[in-house]
Amino acid sequence: EFKLPTKYNSLVYRISNLSLGVYLSHFLVLMLFNY
């Protein structure tokens, strides 16, 4: 229901395209920090 100003669309698209990769990789980043 939230209406985002269109000027942010391009940035949102770029970050959204990374979302699956973030889900896949973030645990590895956490493991490296923990190491």
PDB file of all heavy atoms in Angstrom:
ATOM      1  N   GLU A   1       0.823  -1.213   0.000  1.00  0.00           N
ATOM      2  CA  GLU A   1       0.000   0.000   0.000  1.00  0.00           C
ATOM      3  C   GLU A   1       0.859   1.266   0.000  1.00  0.00           C
ATOM      4  O   GLU A   1       0.377   2.350  -0.302  1.00  0.00           O
ATOM      5  CB  GLU A   1      -0.913   0.018   1.234  1.00  0.00           C
ATOM      6  CG  GLU A   1      -1.968  -1.069   1.257  1.00  0.00           C
ATOM      7  CD  GLU A   1      -3.060  -0.856   0.224  1.00  0.00           C
ATOM      8  OE1 GLU A   1      -3.295   0.305  -0.159  1.00  0.00           O
ATOM      9  OE2 GLU A   1      -3.674  -1.853  -0.211  1.00  0.00           O
ATOM     10  N   PHE A   2       2.143   1.105   0.325  1.00  0.00           N
ATOM     11  CA  PHE A   2       3.033   2.261   0.436  1.00  0.00           C
ATOM     12  C   PHE A   2       3.425   2.762  -0.955  1.00  0.00           C
ATOM     13  O   PHE A   2       3.779   1.980  -1.840  1.00  0.00           O
ATOM     14  CB  PHE A   2       4.292   1.866   1.218  1.00  0.00           C
ATOM     15  CG  PHE A   2       5.315   2.951   1.340  1.00  0.00           C
ATOM     16  CD1 PHE A   2       5.077   4.056   2.143  1.00  0.00           C
ATOM     17  CD2 PHE A   2       6.506   2.874   0.641  1.00  0.00           C
ATOM     18  CE1 PHE A   2       6.032   5.063   2.258  1.00  0.00           C
ATOM     19  CE2 PHE A   2       7.458   3.870   0.745  1.00  0.00           C
ATOM     20  CZ  PHE A   2       7.217   4.971   1.559  1.00  0.00           C
ATOM     21  N   LYS A   3       3.346   4.056  -1.160  1.00  0.00           N
ATOM     22  CA  LYS A   3       3.688   4.660  -2.448  1.00  0.00           C
ATOM     23  C   LYS A   3       5.083   5.285  -2.375  1.00  0.00           C
ATOM     24  O   LYS A   3       5.289   6.307  -1.713  1.00  0.00           O
ATOM     25  CB  LYS A   3       2.655   5.740  -2.826  1.00  0.00           C
ATOM     26  CG  LYS A   3       1.223   5.227  -2.910  1.00  0.00           C
ATOM     27  CD  LYS A   3       1.071   4.152  -3.971  1.00  0.00           C
ATOM     28  CE  LYS A   3      -0.388   3.679  -4.058  1.00  0.00           C
ATOM     29  NZ  LYS A   3      -0.563   2.569  -5.017  1.00  0.00           N
ATOM     30  N   LEU A   4       6.032   4.662  -3.014  1.00  0.00           N
ATOM     31  CA  LEU A   4       7.404   5.156  -3.027  1.00  0.00           C
ATOM     32  C   LEU A   4       7.577   6.168  -4.155  1.00  0.00           C
ATOM     33  O   LEU A   4       7.135   5.926  -5.279  1.00  0.00           O
ATOM     34  CB  LEU A   4       8.382   3.988  -3.234  1.00  0.00           C
ATOM     35  CG  LEU A   4       9.872   4.312  -3.148  1.00  0.00           C
ATOM     36  CD1 LEU A   4      10.278   4.521  -1.689  1.00  0.00           C
ATOM     37  CD2 LEU A   4      10.690   3.180  -3.780  1.00  0.00           C
ATOM     38  N   PRO A   5       8.200   7.318  -3.888  1.00  0.00           N
ATOM     39  CA  PRO A   5       8.472   8.284  -4.968  1.00  0.00           C
ATOM     40  C   PRO A   5       9.240   7.619  -6.107  1.00  0.00           C
ATOM     41  O   PRO A   5      10.198   6.875  -5.868  1.00  0.00           O
ATOM     42  CB  PRO A   5       9.308   9.356  -4.268  1.00  0.00           C
ATOM     43  CG  PRO A   5       8.915   9.273  -2.830  1.00  0.00           C
ATOM     44  CD  PRO A   5       8.646   7.814  -2.565  1.00  0.00           C
ATOM     45  N   THR A   6       8.828   7.873  -7.334  1.00  0.00           N
ATOM     46  CA  THR A   6       9.419   7.187  -8.497  1.00  0.00           C
ATOM     47  C   THR A   6      10.900   7.465  -8.675  1.00  0.00           C
ATOM     48  O   THR A   6      11.595   6.674  -9.316  1.00  0.00           O
ATOM     49  CB  THR A   6       8.676   7.591  -9.781  1.00  0.00           C
ATOM     50  OG1 THR A   6       8.693   9.024  -9.900  1.00  0.00           O
ATOM     51  CG2 THR A   6       7.232   7.105  -9.750  1.00  0.00           C
ATOM     52  N   LYS A   7      11.401   8.548  -8.093  1.00  0.00           N
ATOM     53  CA  LYS A   7      12.815   8.869  -8.262  1.00  0.00           C
ATOM     54  C   LYS A   7      13.726   7.824  -7.600  1.00  0.00           C
ATOM     55  O   LYS A   7      14.927   7.760  -7.900  1.00  0.00           O
ATOM     56  CB  LYS A   7      13.126  10.259  -7.703  1.00  0.00           C
ATOM     57  CG  LYS A   7      12.906  10.412  -6.205  1.00  0.00           C
ATOM     58  CD  LYS A   7      13.224  11.837  -5.750  1.00  0.00           C
ATOM     59  CE  LYS A   7      12.995  12.010  -4.245  1.00  0.00           C
ATOM     60  NZ  LYS A   7      13.305  13.390  -3.813  1.00  0.00           N
ATOM     61  N   TYR A   8      13.150   7.028  -6.697  1.00  0.00           N
ATOM     62  CA  TYR A   8      13.939   5.995  -6.019  1.00  0.00           C
ATOM     63  C   TYR A   8      13.839   4.632  -6.701  1.00  0.00           C
ATOM     64  O   TYR A   8      14.484   3.675  -6.274  1.00  0.00           O
ATOM     65  CB  TYR A   8      13.491   5.850  -4.558  1.00  0.00           C
ATOM     66  CG  TYR A   8      13.691   7.099  -3.729  1.00  0.00           C
ATOM     67  CD1 TYR A   8      12.600   7.802  -3.229  1.00  0.00           C
ATOM     68  CD2 TYR A   8      14.970   7.568  -3.445  1.00  0.00           C
ATOM     69  CE1 TYR A   8      12.772   8.943  -2.466  1.00  0.00           C
ATOM     70  CE2 TYR A   8      15.159   8.720  -2.682  1.00  0.00           C
ATOM     71  CZ  TYR A   8      14.061   9.401  -2.205  1.00  0.00           C
ATOM     72  OH  TYR A   8      14.231  10.539  -1.450  1.00  0.00           O
ATOM     73  N   ASN A   9      13.024   4.523  -7.744  1.00  0.00           N
ATOM     74  CA  ASN A   9      12.782   3.224  -8.382  1.00  0.00           C
ATOM     75  C   ASN A   9      14.056   2.532  -8.839  1.00  0.00           C
ATOM     76  O   ASN A   9      14.259   1.340  -8.599  1.00  0.00           O
ATOM     77  CB  ASN A   9      11.830   3.380  -9.566  1.00  0.00           C
ATOM     78  CG  ASN A   9      10.387   3.566  -9.120  1.00  0.00           C
ATOM     79  OD1 ASN A   9      10.113   3.740  -7.939  1.00  0.00           O
ATOM     80  ND2 ASN A   9       9.468   3.533 -10.063  1.00  0.00           N
ATOM     81  N   SER A  10      14.917   3.277  -9.497  1.00  0.00           N
ATOM     82  CA  SER A  10      16.131   2.680 -10.051  1.00  0.00           C
ATOM     83  C   SER A  10      17.004   2.082  -8.952  1.00  0.00           C
ATOM     84  O   SER A  10      17.520   0.960  -9.094  1.00  0.00           O
ATOM     85  CB  SER A  10      16.926   3.746 -10.825  1.00  0.00           C
ATOM     86  OG  SER A  10      18.114   3.194 -11.340  1.00  0.00           O
ATOM     87  N   LEU A  11      17.165   2.810  -7.850  1.00  0.00           N
ATOM     88  CA  LEU A  11      17.972   2.312  -6.729  1.00  0.00           C
ATOM     89  C   LEU A  11      17.326   1.081  -6.112  1.00  0.00           C
ATOM     90  O   LEU A  11      18.023   0.090  -5.813  1.00  0.00           O
ATOM     91  CB  LEU A  11      18.127   3.415  -5.679  1.00  0.00           C
ATOM     92  CG  LEU A  11      18.864   3.024  -4.391  1.00  0.00           C
ATOM     93  CD1 LEU A  11      20.303   2.623  -4.701  1.00  0.00           C
ATOM     94  CD2 LEU A  11      18.827   4.169  -3.376  1.00  0.00           C
ATOM     95  N   VAL A  12      16.017   1.126  -5.943  1.00  0.00           N
ATOM     96  CA  VAL A  12      15.291  -0.003  -5.358  1.00  0.00           C
ATOM     97  C   VAL A  12      15.434  -1.244  -6.235  1.00  0.00           C
ATOM     98  O   VAL A  12      15.671  -2.350  -5.744  1.00  0.00           O
ATOM     99  CB  VAL A  12      13.800   0.343  -5.153  1.00  0.00           C
ATOM    100  CG1 VAL A  12      12.985  -0.909  -4.808  1.00  0.00           C
ATOM    101  CG2 VAL A  12      13.656   1.378  -4.043  1.00  0.00           C
ATOM    102  N   TYR A  13      15.314  -1.072  -7.555  1.00  0.00           N
ATOM    103  CA  TYR A  13      15.473  -2.201  -8.476  1.00  0.00           C
ATOM    104  C   TYR A  13      16.846  -2.846  -8.319  1.00  0.00           C
ATOM    105  O   TYR A  13      16.983  -4.076  -8.273  1.00  0.00           O
ATOM    106  CB  TYR A  13      15.298  -1.751  -9.930  1.00  0.00           C
ATOM    107  CG  TYR A  13      13.899  -1.319 -10.302  1.00  0.00           C
ATOM    108  CD1 TYR A  13      13.687  -0.450 -11.371  1.00  0.00           C
ATOM    109  CD2 TYR A  13      12.787  -1.784  -9.606  1.00  0.00           C
ATOM    110  CE1 TYR A  13      12.409  -0.045 -11.726  1.00  0.00           C
ATOM    111  CE2 TYR A  13      11.511  -1.392  -9.952  1.00  0.00           C
ATOM    112  CZ  TYR A  13      11.318  -0.516 -11.015  1.00  0.00           C
ATOM    113  OH  TYR A  13      10.056  -0.116 -11.364  1.00  0.00           O
ATOM    114  N   ARG A  14      17.876  -1.998  -8.247  1.00  0.00           N
ATOM    115  CA  ARG A  14      19.246  -2.524  -8.175  1.00  0.00           C
ATOM    116  C   ARG A  14      19.470  -3.317  -6.889  1.00  0.00           C
ATOM    117  O   ARG A  14      20.064  -4.403  -6.916  1.00  0.00           O
ATOM    118  CB  ARG A  14      20.260  -1.381  -8.268  1.00  0.00           C
ATOM    119  CG  ARG A  14      20.387  -0.774  -9.659  1.00  0.00           C
ATOM    120  CD  ARG A  14      21.721  -0.046  -9.818  1.00  0.00           C
ATOM    121  NE  ARG A  14      21.822   1.080  -8.900  1.00  0.00           N
ATOM    122  CZ  ARG A  14      21.413   2.312  -9.175  1.00  0.00           C
ATOM    123  NH1 ARG A  14      20.847   2.572 -10.345  1.00  0.00           N
ATOM    124  NH2 ARG A  14      21.551   3.285  -8.287  1.00  0.00           N
ATOM    125  N   ILE A  15      18.988  -2.776  -5.775  1.00  0.00           N
ATOM    126  CA  ILE A  15      19.178  -3.480  -4.501  1.00  0.00           C
ATOM    127  C   ILE A  15      18.307  -4.740  -4.451  1.00  0.00           C
ATOM    128  O   ILE A  15      18.744  -5.792  -3.974  1.00  0.00           O
ATOM    129  CB  ILE A  15      18.861  -2.557  -3.313  1.00  0.00           C
ATOM    130  CG1 ILE A  15      19.775  -1.329  -3.323  1.00  0.00           C
ATOM    131  CG2 ILE A  15      19.038  -3.312  -1.990  1.00  0.00           C
ATOM    132  CD1 ILE A  15      19.451  -0.317  -2.242  1.00  0.00           C
ATOM    133  N   SER A  16      17.093  -4.646  -4.970  1.00  0.00           N
ATOM    134  CA  SER A  16      16.194  -5.798  -4.981  1.00  0.00           C
ATOM    135  C   SER A  16      16.783  -6.964  -5.773  1.00  0.00           C
ATOM    136  O   SER A  16      16.615  -8.126  -5.398  1.00  0.00           O
ATOM    137  CB  SER A  16      14.844  -5.395  -5.576  1.00  0.00           C
ATOM    138  OG  SER A  16      13.992  -6.512  -5.717  1.00  0.00           O
ATOM    139  N   ASN A  17      17.477  -6.661  -6.850  1.00  0.00           N
ATOM    140  CA  ASN A  17      18.100  -7.707  -7.666  1.00  0.00           C
ATOM    141  C   ASN A  17      19.164  -8.487  -6.894  1.00  0.00           C
ATOM    142  O   ASN A  17      19.562  -9.577  -7.309  1.00  0.00           O
ATOM    143  CB  ASN A  17      18.731  -7.100  -8.916  1.00  0.00           C
ATOM    144  CG  ASN A  17      17.696  -6.692  -9.944  1.00  0.00           C
ATOM    145  OD1 ASN A  17      16.563  -7.177  -9.934  1.00  0.00           O
ATOM    146  ND2 ASN A  17      18.049  -5.779 -10.831  1.00  0.00           N
ATOM    147  N   LEU A  18      19.619  -7.906  -5.784  1.00  0.00           N
ATOM    148  CA  LEU A  18      20.652  -8.556  -4.977  1.00  0.00           C
ATOM    149  C   LEU A  18      20.058  -9.426  -3.873  1.00  0.00           C
ATOM    150  O   LEU A  18      20.779 -10.148  -3.194  1.00  0.00           O
ATOM    151  CB  LEU A  18      21.559  -7.499  -4.331  1.00  0.00           C
ATOM    152  CG  LEU A  18      22.194  -6.447  -5.247  1.00  0.00           C
ATOM    153  CD1 LEU A  18      22.973  -5.429  -4.406  1.00  0.00           C
ATOM    154  CD2 LEU A  18      23.122  -7.102  -6.262  1.00  0.00           C
ATOM    155  N   SER A  19      18.732  -9.349  -3.672  1.00  0.00           N
ATOM    156  CA  SER A  19      18.113  -9.935  -2.478  1.00  0.00           C
ATOM    157  C   SER A  19      18.316 -11.449  -2.369  1.00  0.00           C
ATOM    158  O   SER A  19      18.620 -11.962  -1.287  1.00  0.00           O
ATOM    159  CB  SER A  19      16.622  -9.590  -2.417  1.00  0.00           C
ATOM    160  OG  SER A  19      15.937 -10.066  -3.570  1.00  0.00           O
ATOM    161  N   LEU A  20      18.165 -12.179  -3.475  1.00  0.00           N
ATOM    162  CA  LEU A  20      18.385 -13.624  -3.418  1.00  0.00           C
ATOM    163  C   LEU A  20      19.837 -13.923  -3.076  1.00  0.00           C
ATOM    164  O   LEU A  20      20.129 -14.780  -2.240  1.00  0.00           O
ATOM    165  CB  LEU A  20      18.006 -14.286  -4.748  1.00  0.00           C
ATOM    166  CG  LEU A  20      18.279 -15.794  -4.828  1.00  0.00           C
ATOM    167  CD1 LEU A  20      17.517 -16.553  -3.743  1.00  0.00           C
ATOM    168  CD2 LEU A  20      17.924 -16.341  -6.209  1.00  0.00           C
ATOM    169  N   GLY A  21      20.743 -13.200  -3.716  1.00  0.00           N
ATOM    170  CA  GLY A  21      22.168 -13.386  -3.435  1.00  0.00           C
ATOM    171  C   GLY A  21      22.510 -13.071  -1.995  1.00  0.00           C
ATOM    172  O   GLY A  21      23.336 -13.756  -1.376  1.00  0.00           O
ATOM    173  N   VAL A  22      21.871 -12.046  -1.443  1.00  0.00           N
ATOM    174  CA  VAL A  22      22.089 -11.703  -0.032  1.00  0.00           C
ATOM    175  C   VAL A  22      21.623 -12.841   0.864  1.00  0.00           C
ATOM    176  O   VAL A  22      22.309 -13.232   1.817  1.00  0.00           O
ATOM    177  CB  VAL A  22      21.371 -10.381   0.331  1.00  0.00           C
ATOM    178  CG1 VAL A  22      21.360 -10.174   1.852  1.00  0.00           C
ATOM    179  CG2 VAL A  22      22.043  -9.204  -0.350  1.00  0.00           C
ATOM    180  N   TYR A  23      20.457 -13.392   0.545  1.00  0.00           N
ATOM    181  CA  TYR A  23      19.943 -14.517   1.341  1.00  0.00           C
ATOM    182  C   TYR A  23      20.928 -15.690   1.293  1.00  0.00           C
ATOM    183  O   TYR A  23      21.201 -16.332   2.307  1.00  0.00           O
ATOM    184  CB  TYR A  23      18.577 -14.965   0.831  1.00  0.00           C
ATOM    185  CG  TYR A  23      17.946 -16.022   1.700  1.00  0.00           C
ATOM    186  CD1 TYR A  23      17.092 -15.667   2.737  1.00  0.00           C
ATOM    187  CD2 TYR A  23      18.227 -17.381   1.516  1.00  0.00           C
ATOM    188  CE1 TYR A  23      16.525 -16.632   3.569  1.00  0.00           C
ATOM    189  CE2 TYR A  23      17.678 -18.344   2.341  1.00  0.00           C
ATOM    190  CZ  TYR A  23      16.826 -17.966   3.361  1.00  0.00           C
ATOM    191  OH  TYR A  23      16.296 -18.932   4.179  1.00  0.00           O
ATOM    192  N   LEU A  24      21.467 -15.960   0.115  1.00  0.00           N
ATOM    193  CA  LEU A  24      22.368 -17.094  -0.050  1.00  0.00           C
ATOM    194  C   LEU A  24      23.711 -16.876   0.645  1.00  0.00           C
ATOM    195  O   LEU A  24      24.268 -17.798   1.232  1.00  0.00           O
ATOM    196  CB  LEU A  24      22.614 -17.344  -1.546  1.00  0.00           C
ATOM    197  CG  LEU A  24      21.404 -17.754  -2.381  1.00  0.00           C
ATOM    198  CD1 LEU A  24      21.737 -17.685  -3.864  1.00  0.00           C
ATOM    199  CD2 LEU A  24      20.926 -19.151  -2.006  1.00  0.00           C
ATOM    200  N   SER A  25      24.235 -15.648   0.588  1.00  0.00           N
ATOM    201  CA  SER A  25      25.615 -15.393   1.004  1.00  0.00           C
ATOM    202  C   SER A  25      25.786 -14.844   2.409  1.00  0.00           C
ATOM    203  O   SER A  25      26.878 -14.939   2.978  1.00  0.00           O
ATOM    204  CB  SER A  25      26.269 -14.423   0.015  1.00  0.00           C
ATOM    205  OG  SER A  25      25.625 -13.156   0.055  1.00  0.00           O
ATOM    206  N   HIS A  26      24.746 -14.244   2.993  1.00  0.00           N
ATOM    207  CA  HIS A  26      24.946 -13.533   4.261  1.00  0.00           C
ATOM    208  C   HIS A  26      25.406 -14.449   5.388  1.00  0.00           C
ATOM    209  O   HIS A  26      26.160 -14.036   6.275  1.00  0.00           O
ATOM    210  CB  HIS A  26      23.659 -12.800   4.677  1.00  0.00           C
ATOM    211  CG  HIS A  26      22.629 -13.691   5.294  1.00  0.00           C
ATOM    212  ND1 HIS A  26      21.765 -14.474   4.555  1.00  0.00           N
ATOM    213  CD2 HIS A  26      22.323 -13.943   6.598  1.00  0.00           C
ATOM    214  CE1 HIS A  26      20.983 -15.155   5.368  1.00  0.00           C
ATOM    215  NE2 HIS A  26      21.289 -14.851   6.612  1.00  0.00           N
ATOM    216  N   PHE A  27      24.971 -15.705   5.344  1.00  0.00           N
ATOM    217  CA  PHE A  27      25.366 -16.646   6.398  1.00  0.00           C
ATOM    218  C   PHE A  27      26.866 -16.919   6.335  1.00  0.00           C
ATOM    219  O   PHE A  27      27.524 -17.102   7.364  1.00  0.00           O
ATOM    220  CB  PHE A  27      24.573 -17.945   6.247  1.00  0.00           C
ATOM    221  CG  PHE A  27      24.175 -18.559   7.557  1.00  0.00           C
ATOM    222  CD1 PHE A  27      23.079 -18.082   8.256  1.00  0.00           C
ATOM    223  CD2 PHE A  27      24.886 -19.615   8.095  1.00  0.00           C
ATOM    224  CE1 PHE A  27      22.699 -18.642   9.466  1.00  0.00           C
ATOM    225  CE2 PHE A  27      24.512 -20.184   9.300  1.00  0.00           C
ATOM    226  CZ  PHE A  27      23.425 -19.700   9.990  1.00  0.00           C
ATOM    227  N   LEU A  28      27.402 -16.927   5.129  1.00  0.00           N
ATOM    228  CA  LEU A  28      28.843 -17.120   4.953  1.00  0.00           C
ATOM    229  C   LEU A  28      29.607 -15.920   5.519  1.00  0.00           C
ATOM    230  O   LEU A  28      30.660 -16.088   6.153  1.00  0.00           O
ATOM    231  CB  LEU A  28      29.171 -17.314   3.474  1.00  0.00           C
ATOM    232  CG  LEU A  28      30.591 -17.777   3.127  1.00  0.00           C
ATOM    233  CD1 LEU A  28      30.894 -19.121   3.779  1.00  0.00           C
ATOM    234  CD2 LEU A  28      30.752 -17.885   1.618  1.00  0.00           C
ATOM    235  N   VAL A  29      29.072 -14.714   5.293  1.00  0.00           N
ATOM    236  CA  VAL A  29      29.690 -13.510   5.859  1.00  0.00           C
ATOM    237  C   VAL A  29      29.684 -13.585   7.385  1.00  0.00           C
ATOM    238  O   VAL A  29      30.683 -13.277   8.041  1.00  0.00           O
ATOM    239  CB  VAL A  29      28.943 -12.233   5.380  1.00  0.00           C
ATOM    240  CG1 VAL A  29      29.507 -10.990   6.070  1.00  0.00           C
ATOM    241  CG2 VAL A  29      29.059 -12.095   3.864  1.00  0.00           C
ATOM    242  N   LEU A  30      28.553 -14.011   7.967  1.00  0.00           N
ATOM    243  CA  LEU A  30      28.463 -14.173   9.419  1.00  0.00           C
ATOM    244  C   LEU A  30      29.471 -15.205   9.929  1.00  0.00           C
ATOM    245  O   LEU A  30      30.111 -14.998  10.970  1.00  0.00           O
ATOM    246  CB  LEU A  30      27.050 -14.616   9.812  1.00  0.00           C
ATOM    247  CG  LEU A  30      25.952 -13.545   9.796  1.00  0.00           C
ATOM    248  CD1 LEU A  30      24.577 -14.183   9.986  1.00  0.00           C
ATOM    249  CD2 LEU A  30      26.191 -12.510  10.889  1.00  0.00           C
ATOM    250  N   MET A  31      29.625 -16.291   9.199  1.00  0.00           N
ATOM    251  CA  MET A  31      30.562 -17.339   9.600  1.00  0.00           C
ATOM    252  C   MET A  31      32.001 -16.845   9.556  1.00  0.00           C
ATOM    253  O   MET A  31      32.813 -17.179  10.431  1.00  0.00           O
ATOM    254  CB  MET A  31      30.376 -18.571   8.709  1.00  0.00           C
ATOM    255  CG  MET A  31      29.061 -19.301   8.928  1.00  0.00           C
ATOM    256  SD  MET A  31      28.621 -20.467   7.598  1.00  0.00           S
ATOM    257  CE  MET A  31      29.842 -21.735   7.835  1.00  0.00           C
ATOM    258  N   LEU A  32      32.306 -16.027   8.566  1.00  0.00           N
ATOM    259  CA  LEU A  32      33.662 -15.475   8.452  1.00  0.00           C
ATOM    260  C   LEU A  32      33.943 -14.504   9.595  1.00  0.00           C
ATOM    261  O   LEU A  32      35.029 -14.525  10.191  1.00  0.00           O
ATOM    262  CB  LEU A  32      33.828 -14.779   7.097  1.00  0.00           C
ATOM    263  CG  LEU A  32      33.936 -15.701   5.881  1.00  0.00           C
ATOM    264  CD1 LEU A  32      33.804 -14.910   4.585  1.00  0.00           C
ATOM    265  CD2 LEU A  32      35.272 -16.455   5.906  1.00  0.00           C
ATOM    266  N   PHE A  33      32.975 -13.658   9.914  1.00  0.00           N
ATOM    267  CA  PHE A  33      33.131 -12.751  11.056  1.00  0.00           C
ATOM    268  C   PHE A  33      33.333 -13.558  12.338  1.00  0.00           C
ATOM    269  O   PHE A  33      34.196 -13.236  13.163  1.00  0.00           O
ATOM    270  CB  PHE A  33      31.894 -11.854  11.202  1.00  0.00           C
ATOM    271  CG  PHE A  33      31.968 -10.574  10.427  1.00  0.00           C
ATOM    272  CD1 PHE A  33      30.950 -10.203   9.571  1.00  0.00           C
ATOM    273  CD2 PHE A  33      33.054  -9.724  10.557  1.00  0.00           C
ATOM    274  CE1 PHE A  33      30.998  -9.015   8.858  1.00  0.00           C
ATOM    275  CE2 PHE A  33      33.130  -8.530   9.852  1.00  0.00           C
ATOM    276  CZ  PHE A  33      32.095  -8.172   8.993  1.00  0.00           C
ATOM    277  N   ASN A  34      32.518 -14.585  12.497  1.00  0.00           N
ATOM    278  CA  ASN A  34      32.588 -15.417  13.694  1.00  0.00           C
ATOM    279  C   ASN A  34      33.949 -16.111  13.806  1.00  0.00           C
ATOM    280  O   ASN A  34      34.486 -16.283  14.901  1.00  0.00           O
ATOM    281  CB  ASN A  34      31.465 -16.450  13.676  1.00  0.00           C
ATOM    282  CG  ASN A  34      31.263 -17.109  15.028  1.00  0.00           C
ATOM    283  OD1 ASN A  34      31.054 -16.437  16.029  1.00  0.00           O
ATOM    284  ND2 ASN A  34      31.349 -18.425  15.066  1.00  0.00           N
ATOM    285  N   TYR A  35      34.508 -16.495  12.678  1.00  0.00           N
ATOM    286  CA  TYR A  35      35.824 -17.147  12.657  1.00  0.00           C
ATOM    287  C   TYR A  35      36.895 -16.236  13.243  1.00  0.00           C
ATOM    288  O   TYR A  35      37.834 -16.691  13.913  1.00  0.00           O
ATOM    289  CB  TYR A  35      36.180 -17.544  11.223  1.00  0.00           C
ATOM    290  CG  TYR A  35      37.531 -18.201  11.087  1.00  0.00           C
ATOM    291  CD1 TYR A  35      37.722 -19.537  11.456  1.00  0.00           C
ATOM    292  CD2 TYR A  35      38.631 -17.485  10.604  1.00  0.00           C
ATOM    293  CE1 TYR A  35      38.962 -20.146  11.334  1.00  0.00           C
ATOM    294  CE2 TYR A  35      39.884 -18.089  10.483  1.00  0.00           C
ATOM    295  CZ  TYR A  35      40.031 -19.421  10.852  1.00  0.00           C
ATOM    296  OH  TYR A  35      41.264 -20.014  10.746  1.00  0.00           O
TER     297      TYR A  35
END
